[in-house]
Amino acid sequence: MPEPDAPPFDLAGCLDGVRRRDQAAARSLVDHLYPMVIRIVRAHLPRRVAEEDLAQEVFLKMFTRLDQYQRAVPFPHWVSRIAVTTCIDHLRAQKRRPEFRWADLSENEAEVLDAVLTSDHEVAANDAMAAHELVHKLLSQLKPDDQLVIRLLDLEQKTIAEIAQLTGWNQSLIKVRAFRARRKLHQMFQKLESEEMT
């Protein structure tokens, strides 16, 4: 957090410096955007990928594509979209999704998962956070786009409009993806339950 009396960050000036290949301006830009980027990376981190490596990849893409920034959206939103798509690309690159069994759950995890997946209402933020690690085990078996929409909508409690801005998807597509992803999660959950009964 900046000091209360610190001057506001001069994003436009910093971007001009980066375009002039000013290394200090580049470092300043990374320092300013790092908290946002690492938060996105941690929320969507593909398994077996180090968060710092993924964050560095996001910044590399940001610098190499800087001439593509059209100022149609605020610069941090543009960078956040790069961060999200970078995570999706890594998820897509992971071909294998190991199976996951009900027996792998603790009793408490099973109860939390049951509450999250069988509720017709929106998941409360604190319940979603408590179930984050648990649901991640099932999410890892979904397609990357399905994983992303569930993470953003149910785990991070973002609105449809916020997700549209972050991903570039239209709102109808987001609703359809969320419906299908939840249905797939229900099917996986029912499969786990039937395994437990046998």
C-alpha atoms as a PDB file:
ATOM      1  CA  MET A   1       0.000   0.000   0.000  1.00  0.00           C
ATOM      2  CA  PRO A   2       1.363   3.474  -0.802  1.00  0.00           C
ATOM      3  CA  GLU A   3       1.948   5.945   2.011  1.00  0.00           C
ATOM      4  CA  PRO A   4      -1.079   8.211   2.652  1.00  0.00           C
ATOM      5  CA  ASP A   5       0.819  11.295   1.442  1.00  0.00           C
ATOM      6  CA  ALA A   6       2.549   9.523  -1.464  1.00  0.00           C
ATOM      7  CA  PRO A   7       1.815  10.996  -4.905  1.00  0.00           C
ATOM      8  CA  PRO A   8      -0.586   8.972  -7.059  1.00  0.00           C
ATOM      9  CA  PHE A   9       1.018   6.544  -9.489  1.00  0.00           C
ATOM     10  CA  ASP A  10       1.549   8.188 -12.888  1.00  0.00           C
ATOM     11  CA  LEU A  11       0.520   5.315 -15.169  1.00  0.00           C
ATOM     12  CA  ALA A  12       0.562   7.343 -18.387  1.00  0.00           C
ATOM     13  CA  GLY A  13       4.017   8.725 -17.639  1.00  0.00           C
ATOM     14  CA  CYS A  14       5.252   5.285 -16.714  1.00  0.00           C
ATOM     15  CA  LEU A  15       3.939   3.772 -19.957  1.00  0.00           C
ATOM     16  CA  ASP A  16       5.621   6.552 -21.942  1.00  0.00           C
ATOM     17  CA  GLY A  17       8.881   5.722 -20.149  1.00  0.00           C
ATOM     18  CA  VAL A  18       8.511   2.028 -20.950  1.00  0.00           C
ATOM     19  CA  ARG A  19       7.963   2.840 -24.615  1.00  0.00           C
ATOM     20  CA  ARG A  20      11.237   4.841 -24.496  1.00  0.00           C
ATOM     21  CA  ARG A  21      12.896   1.689 -23.079  1.00  0.00           C
ATOM     22  CA  ASP A  22      13.406   3.281 -19.648  1.00  0.00           C
ATOM     23  CA  GLN A  23      14.300   0.356 -17.348  1.00  0.00           C
ATOM     24  CA  ALA A  24      13.328   2.279 -14.203  1.00  0.00           C
ATOM     25  CA  ALA A  25       9.871   2.937 -15.650  1.00  0.00           C
ATOM     26  CA  ALA A  26       9.517  -0.766 -16.524  1.00  0.00           C
ATOM     27  CA  ARG A  27      10.435  -1.784 -12.950  1.00  0.00           C
ATOM     28  CA  SER A  28       8.020   0.794 -11.558  1.00  0.00           C
ATOM     29  CA  LEU A  29       5.204  -0.526 -13.791  1.00  0.00           C
ATOM     30  CA  VAL A  30       5.832  -4.120 -12.699  1.00  0.00           C
ATOM     31  CA  ASP A  31       5.941  -3.077  -9.021  1.00  0.00           C
ATOM     32  CA  HIS A  32       2.619  -1.230  -9.430  1.00  0.00           C
ATOM     33  CA  LEU A  33       0.828  -4.112 -11.204  1.00  0.00           C
ATOM     34  CA  TYR A  34       2.417  -7.035  -9.326  1.00  0.00           C
ATOM     35  CA  PRO A  35      -0.188  -7.288  -6.493  1.00  0.00           C
ATOM     36  CA  MET A  36      -3.050  -7.515  -9.009  1.00  0.00           C
ATOM     37  CA  VAL A  37      -1.245  -9.997 -11.288  1.00  0.00           C
ATOM     38  CA  ILE A  38      -0.129 -12.321  -8.484  1.00  0.00           C
ATOM     39  CA  ARG A  39      -3.682 -12.316  -7.047  1.00  0.00           C
ATOM     40  CA  ILE A  40      -5.078 -13.436 -10.429  1.00  0.00           C
ATOM     41  CA  VAL A  41      -2.325 -16.030 -10.862  1.00  0.00           C
ATOM     42  CA  ARG A  42      -2.915 -17.498  -7.403  1.00  0.00           C
ATOM     43  CA  ALA A  43      -6.667 -17.670  -8.012  1.00  0.00           C
ATOM     44  CA  HIS A  44      -6.288 -19.541 -11.320  1.00  0.00           C
ATOM     45  CA  LEU A  45      -2.935 -21.248 -10.825  1.00  0.00           C
ATOM     46  CA  PRO A  46      -2.650 -24.421 -12.889  1.00  0.00           C
ATOM     47  CA  ARG A  47      -1.258 -27.345 -10.965  1.00  0.00           C
ATOM     48  CA  ARG A  48       2.517 -27.886 -11.112  1.00  0.00           C
ATOM     49  CA  VAL A  49       3.195 -24.295 -12.219  1.00  0.00           C
ATOM     50  CA  ALA A  50       5.129 -21.949  -9.930  1.00  0.00           C
ATOM     51  CA  GLU A  51       3.225 -18.708  -9.317  1.00  0.00           C
ATOM     52  CA  GLU A  52       6.300 -16.491  -9.794  1.00  0.00           C
ATOM     53  CA  ASP A  53       7.054 -18.149 -13.144  1.00  0.00           C
ATOM     54  CA  LEU A  54       3.497 -17.540 -14.290  1.00  0.00           C
ATOM     55  CA  ALA A  55       3.561 -13.919 -13.075  1.00  0.00           C
ATOM     56  CA  GLN A  56       6.829 -13.349 -14.987  1.00  0.00           C
ATOM     57  CA  GLU A  57       5.213 -14.795 -18.116  1.00  0.00           C
ATOM     58  CA  VAL A  58       2.288 -12.363 -17.714  1.00  0.00           C
ATOM     59  CA  PHE A  59       4.675  -9.388 -17.479  1.00  0.00           C
ATOM     60  CA  LEU A  60       6.706 -10.617 -20.444  1.00  0.00           C
ATOM     61  CA  LYS A  61       3.522 -10.774 -22.539  1.00  0.00           C
ATOM     62  CA  MET A  62       2.508  -7.326 -21.265  1.00  0.00           C
ATOM     63  CA  PHE A  63       5.796  -5.763 -22.416  1.00  0.00           C
ATOM     64  CA  THR A  64       5.914  -7.567 -25.766  1.00  0.00           C
ATOM     65  CA  ARG A  65       2.297  -6.594 -26.567  1.00  0.00           C
ATOM     66  CA  LEU A  66       2.433  -3.031 -25.275  1.00  0.00           C
ATOM     67  CA  ASP A  67       2.057  -1.613 -28.779  1.00  0.00           C
ATOM     68  CA  GLN A  68      -1.285  -3.468 -29.019  1.00  0.00           C
ATOM     69  CA  TYR A  69      -2.771  -1.548 -26.059  1.00  0.00           C
ATOM     70  CA  GLN A  70      -5.443   0.740 -27.555  1.00  0.00           C
ATOM     71  CA  ARG A  71      -6.582   2.553 -24.352  1.00  0.00           C
ATOM     72  CA  ALA A  72     -10.143   1.253 -24.933  1.00  0.00           C
ATOM     73  CA  VAL A  73     -10.095  -0.090 -21.356  1.00  0.00           C
ATOM     74  CA  PRO A  74      -8.004   0.957 -18.345  1.00  0.00           C
ATOM     75  CA  PHE A  75      -4.474  -0.448 -18.547  1.00  0.00           C
ATOM     76  CA  PRO A  76      -4.822  -2.639 -15.397  1.00  0.00           C
ATOM     77  CA  HIS A  77      -7.920  -4.280 -16.952  1.00  0.00           C
ATOM     78  CA  TRP A  78      -5.931  -4.986 -20.110  1.00  0.00           C
ATOM     79  CA  VAL A  79      -3.143  -6.574 -18.047  1.00  0.00           C
ATOM     80  CA  SER A  80      -5.626  -8.576 -15.966  1.00  0.00           C
ATOM     81  CA  ARG A  81      -7.045 -10.079 -19.170  1.00  0.00           C
ATOM     82  CA  ILE A  82      -3.519 -11.108 -20.202  1.00  0.00           C
ATOM     83  CA  ALA A  83      -3.075 -12.720 -16.768  1.00  0.00           C
ATOM     84  CA  VAL A  84      -6.335 -14.666 -17.016  1.00  0.00           C
ATOM     85  CA  THR A  85      -5.677 -15.891 -20.564  1.00  0.00           C
ATOM     86  CA  THR A  86      -2.128 -16.908 -19.611  1.00  0.00           C
ATOM     87  CA  CYS A  87      -3.546 -19.083 -16.822  1.00  0.00           C
ATOM     88  CA  ILE A  88      -6.128 -20.567 -19.223  1.00  0.00           C
ATOM     89  CA  ASP A  89      -3.367 -21.372 -21.717  1.00  0.00           C
ATOM     90  CA  HIS A  90      -1.427 -23.242 -19.035  1.00  0.00           C
ATOM     91  CA  LEU A  91      -4.535 -25.133 -17.965  1.00  0.00           C
ATOM     92  CA  ARG A  92      -5.190 -26.160 -21.573  1.00  0.00           C
ATOM     93  CA  ALA A  93      -1.614 -27.393 -21.864  1.00  0.00           C
ATOM     94  CA  GLN A  94      -2.214 -29.868 -19.048  1.00  0.00           C
ATOM     95  CA  LYS A  95      -3.538 -32.868 -20.912  1.00  0.00           C
ATOM     96  CA  ARG A  96      -3.887 -35.273 -18.010  1.00  0.00           C
ATOM     97  CA  ARG A  97      -6.454 -34.772 -15.257  1.00  0.00           C
ATOM     98  CA  PRO A  98      -6.044 -37.537 -12.687  1.00  0.00           C
ATOM     99  CA  GLU A  99      -9.235 -39.071 -11.352  1.00  0.00           C
ATOM    100  CA  PHE A 100     -10.318 -38.078  -7.894  1.00  0.00           C
ATOM    101  CA  ARG A 101     -12.271 -40.320  -5.527  1.00  0.00           C
ATOM    102  CA  TRP A 102     -14.676 -39.686  -2.645  1.00  0.00           C
ATOM    103  CA  ALA A 103     -12.292 -41.608  -0.390  1.00  0.00           C
ATOM    104  CA  ASP A 104      -9.750 -38.803  -0.892  1.00  0.00           C
ATOM    105  CA  LEU A 105     -12.050 -36.421   1.018  1.00  0.00           C
ATOM    106  CA  SER A 106     -12.056 -35.907   4.757  1.00  0.00           C
ATOM    107  CA  GLU A 107     -15.468 -35.984   6.479  1.00  0.00           C
ATOM    108  CA  ASN A 108     -15.459 -32.198   6.787  1.00  0.00           C
ATOM    109  CA  GLU A 109     -14.494 -31.747   3.118  1.00  0.00           C
ATOM    110  CA  ALA A 110     -17.332 -34.040   2.068  1.00  0.00           C
ATOM    111  CA  GLU A 111     -19.833 -31.941   4.045  1.00  0.00           C
ATOM    112  CA  VAL A 112     -18.525 -28.667   2.610  1.00  0.00           C
ATOM    113  CA  LEU A 113     -18.556 -30.041  -0.924  1.00  0.00           C
ATOM    114  CA  ASP A 114     -22.095 -31.305  -0.474  1.00  0.00           C
ATOM    115  CA  ALA A 115     -23.217 -27.863   0.760  1.00  0.00           C
ATOM    116  CA  VAL A 116     -21.517 -26.022  -2.108  1.00  0.00           C
ATOM    117  CA  LEU A 117     -22.667 -28.289  -4.922  1.00  0.00           C
ATOM    118  CA  THR A 118     -26.238 -28.953  -3.834  1.00  0.00           C
ATOM    119  CA  SER A 119     -27.233 -25.362  -3.052  1.00  0.00           C
ATOM    120  CA  ASP A 120     -29.525 -23.640  -5.547  1.00  0.00           C
ATOM    121  CA  HIS A 121     -28.539 -20.284  -4.107  1.00  0.00           C
ATOM    122  CA  GLU A 122     -25.356 -18.324  -4.607  1.00  0.00           C
ATOM    123  CA  VAL A 123     -22.560 -19.552  -2.379  1.00  0.00           C
ATOM    124  CA  ALA A 124     -21.770 -17.171   0.486  1.00  0.00           C
ATOM    125  CA  ALA A 125     -18.286 -15.684   0.196  1.00  0.00           C
ATOM    126  CA  ASN A 126     -16.987 -17.263   3.412  1.00  0.00           C
ATOM    127  CA  ASP A 127     -18.351 -20.704   2.441  1.00  0.00           C
ATOM    128  CA  ALA A 128     -16.804 -20.366  -0.986  1.00  0.00           C
ATOM    129  CA  MET A 129     -13.420 -19.526   0.463  1.00  0.00           C
ATOM    130  CA  ALA A 130     -13.612 -22.424   2.919  1.00  0.00           C
ATOM    131  CA  ALA A 131     -14.402 -24.789   0.057  1.00  0.00           C
ATOM    132  CA  HIS A 132     -11.843 -23.321  -2.350  1.00  0.00           C
ATOM    133  CA  GLU A 133      -9.149 -25.982  -1.963  1.00  0.00           C
ATOM    134  CA  LEU A 134     -11.679 -28.768  -1.934  1.00  0.00           C
ATOM    135  CA  VAL A 135     -13.556 -27.663  -5.028  1.00  0.00           C
ATOM    136  CA  HIS A 136     -10.186 -27.137  -6.757  1.00  0.00           C
ATOM    137  CA  LYS A 137      -9.779 -30.929  -6.733  1.00  0.00           C
ATOM    138  CA  LEU A 138     -12.928 -31.346  -8.801  1.00  0.00           C
ATOM    139  CA  LEU A 139     -12.405 -28.203 -10.878  1.00  0.00           C
ATOM    140  CA  SER A 140      -9.091 -29.569 -12.132  1.00  0.00           C
ATOM    141  CA  GLN A 141     -11.071 -32.201 -14.051  1.00  0.00           C
ATOM    142  CA  LEU A 142     -13.134 -29.612 -15.965  1.00  0.00           C
ATOM    143  CA  LYS A 143     -12.148 -27.915 -19.219  1.00  0.00           C
ATOM    144  CA  PRO A 144     -10.108 -24.712 -18.637  1.00  0.00           C
ATOM    145  CA  ASP A 145     -12.946 -22.355 -19.651  1.00  0.00           C
ATOM    146  CA  ASP A 146     -15.362 -24.198 -17.329  1.00  0.00           C
ATOM    147  CA  GLN A 147     -12.826 -24.052 -14.499  1.00  0.00           C
ATOM    148  CA  LEU A 148     -12.419 -20.324 -15.013  1.00  0.00           C
ATOM    149  CA  VAL A 149     -16.116 -19.445 -15.015  1.00  0.00           C
ATOM    150  CA  ILE A 150     -16.756 -21.409 -11.793  1.00  0.00           C
ATOM    151  CA  ARG A 151     -13.714 -19.888 -10.086  1.00  0.00           C
ATOM    152  CA  LEU A 152     -14.724 -16.345 -11.003  1.00  0.00           C
ATOM    153  CA  LEU A 153     -18.455 -16.704 -10.367  1.00  0.00           C
ATOM    154  CA  ASP A 154     -18.680 -18.999  -7.355  1.00  0.00           C
ATOM    155  CA  LEU A 155     -15.291 -18.821  -5.652  1.00  0.00           C
ATOM    156  CA  GLU A 156     -14.367 -15.183  -6.254  1.00  0.00           C
ATOM    157  CA  GLN A 157     -17.992 -13.955  -6.216  1.00  0.00           C
ATOM    158  CA  LYS A 158     -17.535 -11.815  -9.332  1.00  0.00           C
ATOM    159  CA  THR A 159     -20.591 -10.596 -11.228  1.00  0.00           C
ATOM    160  CA  ILE A 160     -21.432 -11.687 -14.775  1.00  0.00           C
ATOM    161  CA  ALA A 161     -20.511  -8.175 -15.965  1.00  0.00           C
ATOM    162  CA  GLU A 162     -17.118  -8.311 -14.211  1.00  0.00           C
ATOM    163  CA  ILE A 163     -16.376 -11.715 -15.744  1.00  0.00           C
ATOM    164  CA  ALA A 164     -17.321 -10.405 -19.197  1.00  0.00           C
ATOM    165  CA  GLN A 165     -14.917  -7.507 -18.771  1.00  0.00           C
ATOM    166  CA  LEU A 166     -12.125  -9.776 -17.520  1.00  0.00           C
ATOM    167  CA  THR A 167     -12.460 -12.536 -20.130  1.00  0.00           C
ATOM    168  CA  GLY A 168     -13.931 -10.810 -23.167  1.00  0.00           C
ATOM    169  CA  TRP A 169     -16.803 -13.337 -23.253  1.00  0.00           C
ATOM    170  CA  ASN A 170     -20.360 -12.053 -23.698  1.00  0.00           C
ATOM    171  CA  GLN A 171     -22.743 -12.391 -20.748  1.00  0.00           C
ATOM    172  CA  SER A 172     -24.968 -15.035 -22.342  1.00  0.00           C
ATOM    173  CA  LEU A 173     -21.962 -17.252 -23.011  1.00  0.00           C
ATOM    174  CA  ILE A 174     -20.837 -16.875 -19.380  1.00  0.00           C
ATOM    175  CA  LYS A 175     -24.271 -17.940 -18.093  1.00  0.00           C
ATOM    176  CA  VAL A 176     -24.351 -20.983 -20.388  1.00  0.00           C
ATOM    177  CA  ARG A 177     -20.790 -21.970 -19.433  1.00  0.00           C
ATOM    178  CA  ALA A 178     -21.583 -21.589 -15.733  1.00  0.00           C
ATOM    179  CA  PHE A 179     -24.719 -23.738 -16.063  1.00  0.00           C
ATOM    180  CA  ARG A 180     -22.882 -26.491 -17.945  1.00  0.00           C
ATOM    181  CA  ALA A 181     -19.874 -26.389 -15.612  1.00  0.00           C
ATOM    182  CA  ARG A 182     -22.089 -26.681 -12.520  1.00  0.00           C
ATOM    183  CA  ARG A 183     -23.920 -29.583 -14.127  1.00  0.00           C
ATOM    184  CA  LYS A 184     -20.597 -31.340 -14.774  1.00  0.00           C
ATOM    185  CA  LEU A 185     -19.548 -30.739 -11.171  1.00  0.00           C
ATOM    186  CA  HIS A 186     -22.853 -32.240  -9.987  1.00  0.00           C
ATOM    187  CA  GLN A 187     -22.254 -35.293 -12.171  1.00  0.00           C
ATOM    188  CA  MET A 188     -18.736 -35.745 -10.783  1.00  0.00           C
ATOM    189  CA  PHE A 189     -20.056 -35.261  -7.268  1.00  0.00           C
ATOM    190  CA  GLN A 190     -22.799 -37.881  -7.791  1.00  0.00           C
ATOM    191  CA  LYS A 191     -20.185 -40.276  -9.171  1.00  0.00           C
ATOM    192  CA  LEU A 192     -18.092 -39.764  -6.031  1.00  0.00           C
ATOM    193  CA  GLU A 193     -21.145 -40.381  -3.850  1.00  0.00           C
ATOM    194  CA  SER A 194     -22.016 -43.585  -5.696  1.00  0.00           C
ATOM    195  CA  GLU A 195     -18.434 -44.783  -5.286  1.00  0.00           C
ATOM    196  CA  GLU A 196     -18.717 -44.101  -1.570  1.00  0.00           C
ATOM    197  CA  MET A 197     -21.923 -46.177  -1.354  1.00  0.00           C
ATOM    198  CA  THR A 198     -20.316 -49.221  -3.033  1.00  0.00           C
END
